[in-house]
Amino acid sequence: MLSAEDNVLLTRTGPNTPMGEYFRRFWQPVALSSELLPDGAPLRVRILGQDWVAFRSADGRVGLVDPRCAHRGADLFFGRNEEGGLRCIYHGWKYDHAGRAAELPNVPSGSAYHDKIAIAACPTREAGDMVWAWLGPPEAADTPLPALEFMLVPPGRRYVTKRLQQCNWAHSIEGALDTAHFSFLHMPAPARSSNDAMTAAADEARIRWLRNDPLPRFSLAEHECGFVVGGARDADPGGLYWRITQFMLPSHSITPSAMPGETLYGYSWVPIDDVSCWIYVYAWHPEQDLPLEERARYERGGFGQFAALGPGFVPLRHRGNDYLIDRDAQKTVSFTGVAGIAEQDAMAQDSQGLIADRTREHLSPTDMAVVRFRRMLLGGARELAAGTPPAAARASGAYRVRGGGALAPSDMSFEAVMVERFGSVTGRIEA
């Protein structure tokens, strides 16, 4: 468990909070590239408890600026995106990508306003079909983007989307680092035959190993930008089934599901405020384009890490409608009665509260990665408050890591499994 003080430190990311300052030392995703069209409608952006408005000019550049006009505070979301800037609808004041006043129609030509007026703006970059923003100190804006592998492959080899999560970012990501829950949360109903459709659609052997061994043995290794954790379950006689998860600071993860040759999956969590977050979800294959039918499954949602989405990237099954839980299906079809792995995760995580009360929990040995995550984030925020910025933010290449599943002899060490599966102890993939 955590103290109440540490729980506040971990979960609060607004302006002038220690964890908020820590997050601001890393580039943050603020939108999908597809949400911003050239000379198209501006986009409201709320991140780390602050409001912004994003727009893309005709030349393709993306601006992220304070939504309030410096004149009298009208909302620039309603502004006109025109000729390289955003023009306020109230009196026509226009701002460029850097927030500088480009035109002040109702200000005399000799006024110092023309040189002085500006609104706050954040540097932006695009990579991996996402818009990233630098919300930290301007002098550190040369910090590189993390070299997450999905961002480095050709566009045809990846699929990227996002979804709203209605809880604090921290216990949502903790759910992804806890692979022990798969033995229950994502299982077919215990009463069903092992030949049911869900089992056949997945890997029957993997489902069996997950169901039969709810107490995986964990091993963990830290690396430059986070850690890798492996959970070993008994497989067929003489073997272990490893599920290996990556965590990268401050809030990225790679799932443990992909076996050799399969599509890889990952997430990036971005706090909207203290009680909601965006989860950017991506699939990629290092060696081949994603088949059209696979992309179609992701678009429909309800498949693996991809939820079925409604307008505004809000899941169709959510806190407000009890995830459309079907109690009859819970008895005969799935352990939860909720369709979709992503939706099942959301139900479990949201049910912990908008902000989980970690003073009341009782952890077990399967929570090793959760404990290390908390220690790493709390330590990083405290070090920054004492004057030491996070070294991981500048270790761009260290983010090129993989996670996934592996079968290995029961006497093979975690380190040896990592080397055999990924070519390195930490899962880092060289260019």
Protein backbone atom coordinates (compact mmCIF):
# COMPACT_ATOMS: atom_id res chain seq x y z
CA MET A 1 0.00 0.00 0.00
CA LEU A 2 0.97 3.66 -0.31
CA SER A 3 0.62 6.46 2.22
CA ALA A 4 -2.07 9.02 1.48
CA GLU A 5 0.67 11.56 0.72
CA ASP A 6 2.38 9.27 -1.81
CA ASN A 7 -0.95 8.47 -3.44
CA VAL A 8 -1.55 12.19 -4.00
CA LEU A 9 1.99 12.61 -5.35
CA LEU A 10 1.54 9.71 -7.79
CA THR A 11 -1.86 10.64 -9.14
CA ARG A 12 -1.94 14.47 -9.41
CA THR A 13 -0.50 15.82 -12.66
CA GLY A 14 -1.92 19.33 -12.88
CA PRO A 15 0.16 22.51 -13.13
CA ASN A 16 2.68 23.03 -10.33
CA THR A 17 2.35 19.51 -8.95
CA PRO A 18 5.51 17.36 -8.64
CA MET A 19 4.17 14.60 -10.91
CA GLY A 20 2.77 17.16 -13.32
CA GLU A 21 6.21 18.75 -13.60
CA TYR A 22 7.72 15.31 -14.13
CA PHE A 23 5.34 14.53 -17.01
CA ARG A 24 6.15 17.89 -18.54
CA ARG A 25 9.80 16.80 -18.92
CA PHE A 26 8.68 14.29 -21.57
CA TRP A 27 6.96 14.84 -24.92
CA GLN A 28 3.25 14.06 -24.63
CA PRO A 29 0.78 12.87 -27.31
CA VAL A 30 -2.00 15.44 -27.64
CA ALA A 31 -3.95 14.24 -30.71
CA LEU A 32 -4.05 11.79 -33.55
CA SER A 33 -2.66 13.37 -36.72
CA SER A 34 -5.93 12.49 -38.46
CA GLU A 35 -7.88 14.75 -36.07
CA LEU A 36 -6.31 17.88 -37.56
CA LEU A 37 -6.92 18.70 -41.22
CA PRO A 38 -5.09 21.49 -43.09
CA ASP A 39 -7.08 24.70 -42.61
CA GLY A 40 -9.64 22.52 -40.82
CA ALA A 41 -11.54 22.96 -37.59
CA PRO A 42 -9.49 23.63 -34.44
CA LEU A 43 -9.42 20.89 -31.81
CA ARG A 44 -9.92 21.30 -28.07
CA VAL A 45 -7.09 19.68 -26.14
CA ARG A 46 -7.05 19.14 -22.38
CA ILE A 47 -3.89 17.59 -20.98
CA LEU A 48 -2.33 17.51 -17.51
CA GLY A 49 -5.17 19.68 -16.23
CA GLN A 50 -4.61 22.48 -18.76
CA ASP A 51 -6.71 23.57 -21.73
CA TRP A 52 -5.29 24.27 -25.20
CA VAL A 53 -6.52 24.49 -28.76
CA ALA A 54 -4.76 22.78 -31.68
CA PHE A 55 -4.94 23.68 -35.36
CA ARG A 56 -3.18 22.67 -38.58
CA SER A 57 -2.40 25.34 -41.16
CA ALA A 58 -2.50 24.79 -44.91
CA ASP A 59 1.24 24.02 -44.98
CA GLY A 60 0.72 21.09 -42.59
CA ARG A 61 2.19 22.66 -39.46
CA VAL A 62 0.38 22.08 -36.16
CA GLY A 63 -0.02 24.80 -33.56
CA LEU A 64 -1.00 24.22 -29.92
CA VAL A 65 -1.95 27.49 -28.22
CA ASP A 66 -3.75 28.90 -25.21
CA PRO A 67 -7.48 28.88 -26.04
CA ARG A 68 -8.07 32.41 -24.68
CA CYS A 69 -7.58 35.42 -26.92
CA ALA A 70 -5.29 37.99 -25.29
CA HIS A 71 -7.78 40.76 -26.08
CA ARG A 72 -10.85 39.88 -24.03
CA GLY A 73 -10.64 36.14 -23.54
CA ALA A 74 -12.89 34.78 -26.29
CA ASP A 75 -12.37 31.07 -26.94
CA LEU A 76 -10.12 30.45 -29.94
CA PHE A 77 -11.73 27.03 -30.48
CA PHE A 78 -14.40 28.99 -32.34
CA GLY A 79 -11.73 30.84 -34.31
CA ARG A 80 -11.05 30.80 -38.05
CA ASN A 81 -8.10 28.67 -39.14
CA GLU A 82 -6.79 30.82 -42.00
CA GLU A 83 -3.54 31.67 -43.78
CA GLY A 84 -1.10 30.22 -41.27
CA GLY A 85 -2.83 31.29 -38.09
CA LEU A 86 -5.90 31.19 -35.87
CA ARG A 87 -8.12 34.29 -35.93
CA CYS A 88 -10.43 35.13 -33.03
CA ILE A 89 -14.07 35.46 -34.08
CA TYR A 90 -14.71 38.39 -31.69
CA HIS A 91 -12.42 41.18 -32.97
CA GLY A 92 -10.21 39.38 -35.47
CA TRP A 93 -6.97 39.13 -33.51
CA LYS A 94 -4.86 36.46 -35.22
CA TYR A 95 -2.14 34.23 -33.75
CA ASP A 96 0.55 32.14 -35.44
CA HIS A 97 1.84 28.69 -34.42
CA ALA A 98 4.11 30.23 -31.79
CA GLY A 99 1.24 32.20 -30.24
CA ARG A 100 2.54 35.55 -31.52
CA ALA A 101 0.04 38.17 -32.63
CA ALA A 102 0.09 38.19 -36.44
CA GLU A 103 -2.72 40.71 -36.95
CA LEU A 104 -4.51 43.08 -34.56
CA PRO A 105 -7.15 44.80 -36.74
CA ASN A 106 -8.54 47.10 -34.05
CA VAL A 107 -5.16 48.25 -32.71
CA PRO A 108 -3.51 51.42 -34.13
CA SER A 109 -0.49 50.71 -36.31
CA GLY A 110 1.97 52.48 -34.02
CA SER A 111 0.98 50.56 -30.88
CA ALA A 112 3.55 48.45 -29.02
CA TYR A 113 0.87 45.74 -28.90
CA HIS A 114 1.92 44.62 -32.37
CA ASP A 115 5.31 43.54 -31.03
CA LYS A 116 4.29 42.57 -27.51
CA ILE A 117 1.02 40.65 -27.65
CA ALA A 118 1.30 36.84 -27.54
CA ILE A 119 -0.46 33.87 -26.01
CA ALA A 120 1.14 30.71 -24.64
CA ALA A 121 2.08 28.07 -27.22
CA CYS A 122 3.78 24.69 -27.13
CA PRO A 123 6.24 23.22 -29.64
CA THR A 124 4.76 20.28 -31.56
CA ARG A 125 6.12 17.39 -33.58
CA GLU A 126 4.47 14.54 -35.48
CA ALA A 127 5.51 10.91 -35.38
CA GLY A 128 3.69 7.61 -35.49
CA ASP A 129 0.45 9.21 -36.76
CA MET A 130 0.30 11.23 -33.53
CA VAL A 131 0.86 14.88 -32.65
CA TRP A 132 3.27 15.32 -29.73
CA ALA A 133 3.67 18.49 -27.67
CA TRP A 134 6.34 19.84 -25.36
CA LEU A 135 4.69 21.30 -22.27
CA GLY A 136 7.85 21.71 -20.22
CA PRO A 137 10.46 24.46 -19.88
CA PRO A 138 11.18 26.10 -23.25
CA GLU A 139 14.92 25.69 -22.79
CA ALA A 140 14.48 21.89 -22.73
CA ALA A 141 12.34 21.67 -25.88
CA ASP A 142 15.29 20.07 -27.70
CA THR A 143 14.53 16.87 -25.77
CA PRO A 144 14.12 14.10 -28.40
CA LEU A 145 10.92 12.18 -28.99
CA PRO A 146 10.98 8.63 -27.61
CA ALA A 147 11.99 6.20 -30.37
CA LEU A 148 9.06 3.84 -29.80
CA GLU A 149 9.28 1.16 -32.47
CA PHE A 150 5.75 1.64 -33.82
CA MET A 151 6.74 5.22 -34.75
CA LEU A 152 9.72 4.03 -36.78
CA VAL A 153 8.06 1.50 -39.09
CA PRO A 154 6.39 2.53 -42.40
CA PRO A 155 2.76 3.69 -42.01
CA GLY A 156 1.42 0.54 -43.66
CA ARG A 157 2.89 -1.54 -40.84
CA ARG A 158 1.07 0.22 -38.01
CA TYR A 159 -2.42 1.15 -36.81
CA VAL A 160 -2.92 3.89 -34.20
CA THR A 161 -6.01 5.09 -32.35
CA LYS A 162 -7.00 6.31 -28.90
CA ARG A 163 -9.81 5.92 -26.39
CA LEU A 164 -11.09 7.74 -23.34
CA GLN A 165 -10.56 6.15 -19.92
CA GLN A 166 -12.72 7.46 -17.08
CA CYS A 167 -10.28 7.13 -14.21
CA ASN A 168 -6.88 8.37 -13.08
CA TRP A 169 -3.98 7.51 -15.40
CA ALA A 170 -1.93 5.71 -12.75
CA HIS A 171 -4.19 2.81 -11.86
CA SER A 172 -5.09 2.38 -15.52
CA ILE A 173 -1.45 1.79 -16.43
CA GLU A 174 -1.03 -0.41 -13.37
CA GLY A 175 -3.64 -2.71 -14.90
CA ALA A 176 -1.47 -3.12 -17.99
CA LEU A 177 1.61 -3.94 -15.90
CA ASP A 178 -0.28 -6.64 -13.96
CA THR A 179 -0.44 -9.69 -16.21
CA ALA A 180 -1.74 -11.94 -13.41
CA HIS A 181 -5.29 -10.67 -13.94
CA PHE A 182 -5.48 -12.39 -17.33
CA SER A 183 -6.13 -15.70 -15.58
CA PHE A 184 -9.53 -14.34 -14.58
CA LEU A 185 -10.65 -11.05 -16.14
CA HIS A 186 -10.25 -12.11 -19.78
CA MET A 187 -11.18 -15.77 -19.52
CA PRO A 188 -14.11 -17.62 -21.06
CA ALA A 189 -16.67 -18.63 -18.46
CA PRO A 190 -15.31 -21.54 -16.38
CA ALA A 191 -18.35 -23.65 -17.21
CA ARG A 192 -17.66 -23.59 -20.93
CA SER A 193 -15.84 -26.25 -22.86
CA SER A 194 -12.26 -25.57 -23.96
CA ASN A 195 -13.58 -25.90 -27.51
CA ASP A 196 -15.74 -22.75 -27.36
CA ALA A 197 -15.42 -20.06 -30.01
CA MET A 198 -13.50 -17.60 -27.86
CA THR A 199 -10.87 -20.19 -27.03
CA ALA A 200 -10.58 -21.31 -30.64
CA ALA A 201 -10.20 -17.73 -31.83
CA ALA A 202 -7.33 -17.21 -29.47
CA ASP A 203 -4.63 -19.79 -28.91
CA GLU A 204 -6.25 -22.71 -27.07
CA ALA A 205 -3.02 -23.72 -25.38
CA ARG A 206 -2.32 -20.20 -24.13
CA ILE A 207 -5.83 -19.86 -22.72
CA ARG A 208 -5.38 -23.17 -20.92
CA TRP A 209 -2.03 -22.17 -19.42
CA LEU A 210 -3.43 -18.84 -18.25
CA ARG A 211 -6.48 -20.42 -16.69
CA ASN A 212 -4.61 -23.25 -14.99
CA ASP A 213 -1.84 -21.16 -13.40
CA PRO A 214 -3.18 -17.98 -11.73
CA LEU A 215 0.06 -17.46 -9.76
CA PRO A 216 2.78 -16.52 -12.29
CA ARG A 217 6.34 -16.16 -11.01
CA PHE A 218 7.76 -12.74 -11.89
CA SER A 219 11.24 -11.57 -12.85
CA LEU A 220 12.14 -7.95 -13.54
CA ALA A 221 15.04 -6.04 -15.06
CA GLU A 222 15.41 -2.26 -15.15
CA HIS A 223 16.75 -0.43 -18.20
CA GLU A 224 17.48 3.17 -19.24
CA CYS A 225 13.88 4.24 -19.67
CA GLY A 226 11.95 1.89 -17.38
CA PHE A 227 11.84 -1.86 -16.88
CA VAL A 228 10.83 -5.16 -18.41
CA VAL A 229 8.89 -7.71 -16.38
CA GLY A 230 8.24 -11.34 -17.20
CA GLY A 231 5.59 -13.59 -15.67
CA ALA A 232 6.18 -17.34 -16.01
CA ARG A 233 3.34 -19.86 -15.90
CA ASP A 234 3.45 -23.62 -16.11
CA ALA A 235 2.90 -24.73 -19.69
CA ASP A 236 2.98 -28.25 -21.05
CA PRO A 237 5.23 -30.62 -19.05
CA GLY A 238 8.79 -29.36 -18.91
CA GLY A 239 8.05 -25.83 -20.10
CA LEU A 240 7.05 -22.35 -19.01
CA TYR A 241 4.84 -19.82 -20.78
CA TRP A 242 6.37 -16.36 -20.36
CA ARG A 243 4.37 -13.14 -20.79
CA ILE A 244 6.82 -10.22 -21.00
CA THR A 245 5.67 -6.60 -20.53
CA GLN A 246 7.64 -3.42 -21.12
CA PHE A 247 7.19 -0.20 -19.16
CA MET A 248 8.78 3.04 -20.41
CA LEU A 249 8.73 6.36 -18.56
CA PRO A 250 6.57 8.14 -17.92
CA SER A 251 3.55 6.18 -19.21
CA HIS A 252 4.18 3.83 -22.14
CA SER A 253 3.81 0.05 -22.20
CA ILE A 254 4.14 -2.86 -24.61
CA THR A 255 1.81 -5.80 -24.09
CA PRO A 256 2.92 -9.37 -23.34
CA SER A 257 0.64 -11.04 -25.87
CA ALA A 258 2.61 -11.33 -29.14
CA MET A 259 4.36 -14.60 -29.87
CA PRO A 260 7.23 -14.64 -32.41
CA GLY A 261 6.07 -13.36 -35.81
CA GLU A 262 2.80 -11.92 -34.50
CA THR A 263 1.65 -8.30 -34.44
CA LEU A 264 2.93 -6.25 -31.50
CA TYR A 265 0.76 -3.93 -29.38
CA GLY A 266 1.43 -0.97 -27.13
CA TYR A 267 -0.12 1.90 -25.20
CA SER A 268 0.65 5.46 -24.16
CA TRP A 269 -1.34 7.00 -21.29
CA VAL A 270 -1.84 10.76 -21.20
CA PRO A 271 -3.58 12.34 -18.20
CA ILE A 272 -6.41 14.66 -19.24
CA ASP A 273 -6.87 15.64 -15.61
CA ASP A 274 -6.78 13.71 -12.35
CA VAL A 275 -9.92 11.67 -13.07
CA SER A 276 -9.61 10.84 -16.78
CA CYS A 277 -6.98 10.04 -19.38
CA TRP A 278 -6.44 9.23 -23.03
CA ILE A 279 -5.00 5.85 -23.92
CA TYR A 280 -3.26 5.87 -27.29
CA VAL A 281 -3.33 2.30 -28.59
CA TYR A 282 -1.16 1.01 -31.42
CA ALA A 283 -0.45 -2.17 -33.31
CA TRP A 284 2.58 -2.69 -35.51
CA HIS A 285 4.52 -5.36 -37.32
CA PRO A 286 8.25 -4.80 -37.81
CA GLU A 287 8.49 -6.74 -41.06
CA GLN A 288 5.25 -6.53 -43.05
CA ASP A 289 2.19 -4.41 -43.70
CA LEU A 290 -0.83 -5.09 -41.52
CA PRO A 291 -3.43 -7.02 -43.56
CA LEU A 292 -6.60 -5.12 -44.48
CA GLU A 293 -8.80 -7.57 -42.57
CA GLU A 294 -6.69 -7.02 -39.45
CA ARG A 295 -7.08 -3.25 -39.76
CA ALA A 296 -10.83 -3.73 -40.21
CA ARG A 297 -11.00 -5.65 -36.92
CA TYR A 298 -9.20 -2.81 -35.15
CA GLU A 299 -11.59 -0.27 -36.68
CA ARG A 300 -14.63 -2.22 -35.49
CA GLY A 301 -13.17 -2.58 -32.02
CA GLY A 302 -14.03 -5.18 -29.44
CA PHE A 303 -10.88 -6.98 -30.55
CA GLY A 304 -7.90 -7.40 -28.25
CA GLN A 305 -6.52 -4.04 -27.16
CA PHE A 306 -8.97 -2.09 -29.34
CA ALA A 307 -12.31 -1.06 -27.85
CA ALA A 308 -15.48 -0.48 -29.86
CA LEU A 309 -15.67 3.32 -30.05
CA GLY A 310 -18.39 5.90 -30.49
CA PRO A 311 -18.09 9.62 -31.32
CA GLY A 312 -15.14 11.42 -29.78
CA PHE A 313 -13.21 8.16 -29.22
CA VAL A 314 -15.46 7.32 -26.27
CA PRO A 315 -15.91 3.54 -25.84
CA LEU A 316 -19.43 2.27 -26.48
CA ARG A 317 -19.13 0.29 -23.24
CA HIS A 318 -18.20 2.66 -20.44
CA ARG A 319 -18.70 3.67 -16.83
CA GLY A 320 -22.01 5.40 -17.58
CA ASN A 321 -23.74 2.27 -18.93
CA ASP A 322 -22.04 -0.37 -16.74
CA TYR A 323 -20.06 -1.55 -19.81
CA LEU A 324 -23.28 -3.18 -21.07
CA ILE A 325 -22.59 -6.11 -18.76
CA ASP A 326 -24.67 -9.19 -19.59
CA ARG A 327 -25.22 -11.30 -16.46
CA ASP A 328 -26.42 -14.30 -18.45
CA ALA A 329 -23.28 -14.16 -20.58
CA GLN A 330 -21.25 -13.94 -17.37
CA LYS A 331 -22.57 -17.36 -16.42
CA THR A 332 -22.09 -19.06 -19.77
CA VAL A 333 -19.84 -17.09 -22.14
CA SER A 334 -17.16 -15.02 -20.40
CA PHE A 335 -15.89 -14.54 -16.87
CA THR A 336 -17.15 -10.93 -16.78
CA GLY A 337 -20.13 -10.82 -19.13
CA VAL A 338 -18.55 -7.78 -20.80
CA ALA A 339 -17.49 -8.01 -24.45
CA GLY A 340 -13.96 -7.02 -25.40
CA ILE A 341 -10.61 -7.27 -23.62
CA ALA A 342 -10.12 -3.48 -23.62
CA GLU A 343 -13.61 -3.01 -22.20
CA GLN A 344 -12.99 -5.64 -19.52
CA ASP A 345 -9.81 -3.81 -18.51
CA ALA A 346 -11.69 -0.51 -18.33
CA MET A 347 -14.44 -2.02 -16.18
CA ALA A 348 -11.96 -3.42 -13.64
CA GLN A 349 -9.85 -0.26 -13.54
CA ASP A 350 -12.74 2.20 -13.41
CA SER A 351 -14.32 0.16 -10.63
CA GLN A 352 -11.34 1.02 -8.40
CA GLY A 353 -12.61 4.59 -8.30
CA LEU A 354 -11.82 7.78 -10.18
CA ILE A 355 -8.61 7.85 -8.14
CA ALA A 356 -7.70 4.56 -6.47
CA ASP A 357 -7.22 4.66 -2.70
CA ARG A 358 -3.93 2.80 -2.36
CA THR A 359 -3.93 3.15 1.43
CA ARG A 360 -6.52 0.35 1.63
CA GLU A 361 -4.97 -2.26 -0.67
CA HIS A 362 -3.16 -5.49 0.22
CA LEU A 363 -0.57 -6.36 -2.42
CA SER A 364 0.61 -9.86 -3.32
CA PRO A 365 3.78 -11.23 -4.99
CA THR A 366 2.12 -10.87 -8.42
CA ASP A 367 2.13 -7.08 -7.93
CA MET A 368 5.90 -6.80 -8.38
CA ALA A 369 5.66 -4.62 -11.49
CA VAL A 370 3.05 -2.34 -9.90
CA VAL A 371 5.35 -1.75 -6.93
CA ARG A 372 8.34 -1.02 -9.17
CA PHE A 373 6.27 1.35 -11.31
CA ARG A 374 5.20 3.36 -8.27
CA ARG A 375 8.71 3.47 -6.86
CA MET A 376 10.13 4.64 -10.19
CA LEU A 377 7.54 7.40 -10.75
CA LEU A 378 7.61 8.68 -7.17
CA GLY A 379 11.40 8.65 -7.16
CA GLY A 380 11.56 10.49 -10.49
CA ALA A 381 9.16 13.21 -9.34
CA ARG A 382 11.08 13.73 -6.11
CA GLU A 383 14.43 13.86 -7.91
CA LEU A 384 13.09 16.48 -10.31
CA ALA A 385 11.77 18.55 -7.40
CA ALA A 386 15.29 18.40 -5.94
CA GLY A 387 16.77 19.65 -9.21
CA THR A 388 17.60 16.49 -11.20
CA PRO A 389 15.65 16.10 -14.46
CA PRO A 390 14.83 12.59 -15.73
CA ALA A 391 17.71 11.10 -17.74
CA ALA A 392 15.25 8.77 -19.52
CA ALA A 393 13.70 11.73 -21.36
CA ARG A 394 16.89 12.14 -23.41
CA ALA A 395 17.57 8.41 -23.88
CA SER A 396 15.48 8.28 -27.06
CA GLY A 397 16.95 5.05 -28.43
CA ALA A 398 16.27 3.18 -25.20
CA TYR A 399 12.54 3.28 -26.01
CA ARG A 400 12.98 0.91 -28.95
CA VAL A 401 12.09 -2.23 -27.00
CA ARG A 402 9.71 -5.14 -27.48
CA GLY A 403 7.53 -7.26 -25.28
CA GLY A 404 5.60 -10.44 -25.96
CA GLY A 405 5.19 -14.09 -25.19
CA ALA A 406 7.65 -16.97 -25.23
CA LEU A 407 7.79 -20.68 -24.54
CA ALA A 408 10.94 -21.89 -22.82
CA PRO A 409 12.27 -24.85 -20.82
CA SER A 410 11.50 -24.55 -17.13
CA ASP A 411 15.19 -24.35 -16.22
CA MET A 412 15.93 -21.36 -18.52
CA SER A 413 16.55 -18.08 -16.69
CA PHE A 414 14.59 -14.92 -17.44
CA GLU A 415 17.74 -13.31 -18.83
CA ALA A 416 18.30 -16.24 -21.18
CA VAL A 417 14.64 -16.15 -22.29
CA MET A 418 14.99 -12.46 -23.11
CA VAL A 419 18.14 -12.97 -25.15
CA GLU A 420 16.62 -15.88 -27.08
CA ARG A 421 13.30 -14.10 -27.69
CA PHE A 422 14.48 -10.51 -28.36
CA GLY A 423 18.26 -10.61 -28.72
CA SER A 424 19.00 -8.66 -25.51
CA VAL A 425 18.38 -8.94 -21.79
CA THR A 426 16.22 -5.79 -21.77
CA GLY A 427 14.34 -6.40 -25.02
CA ARG A 428 16.03 -3.45 -26.73
CA ILE A 429 16.03 -3.74 -30.52
CA GLU A 430 18.93 -2.21 -32.36
CA ALA A 431 18.27 -0.22 -35.54
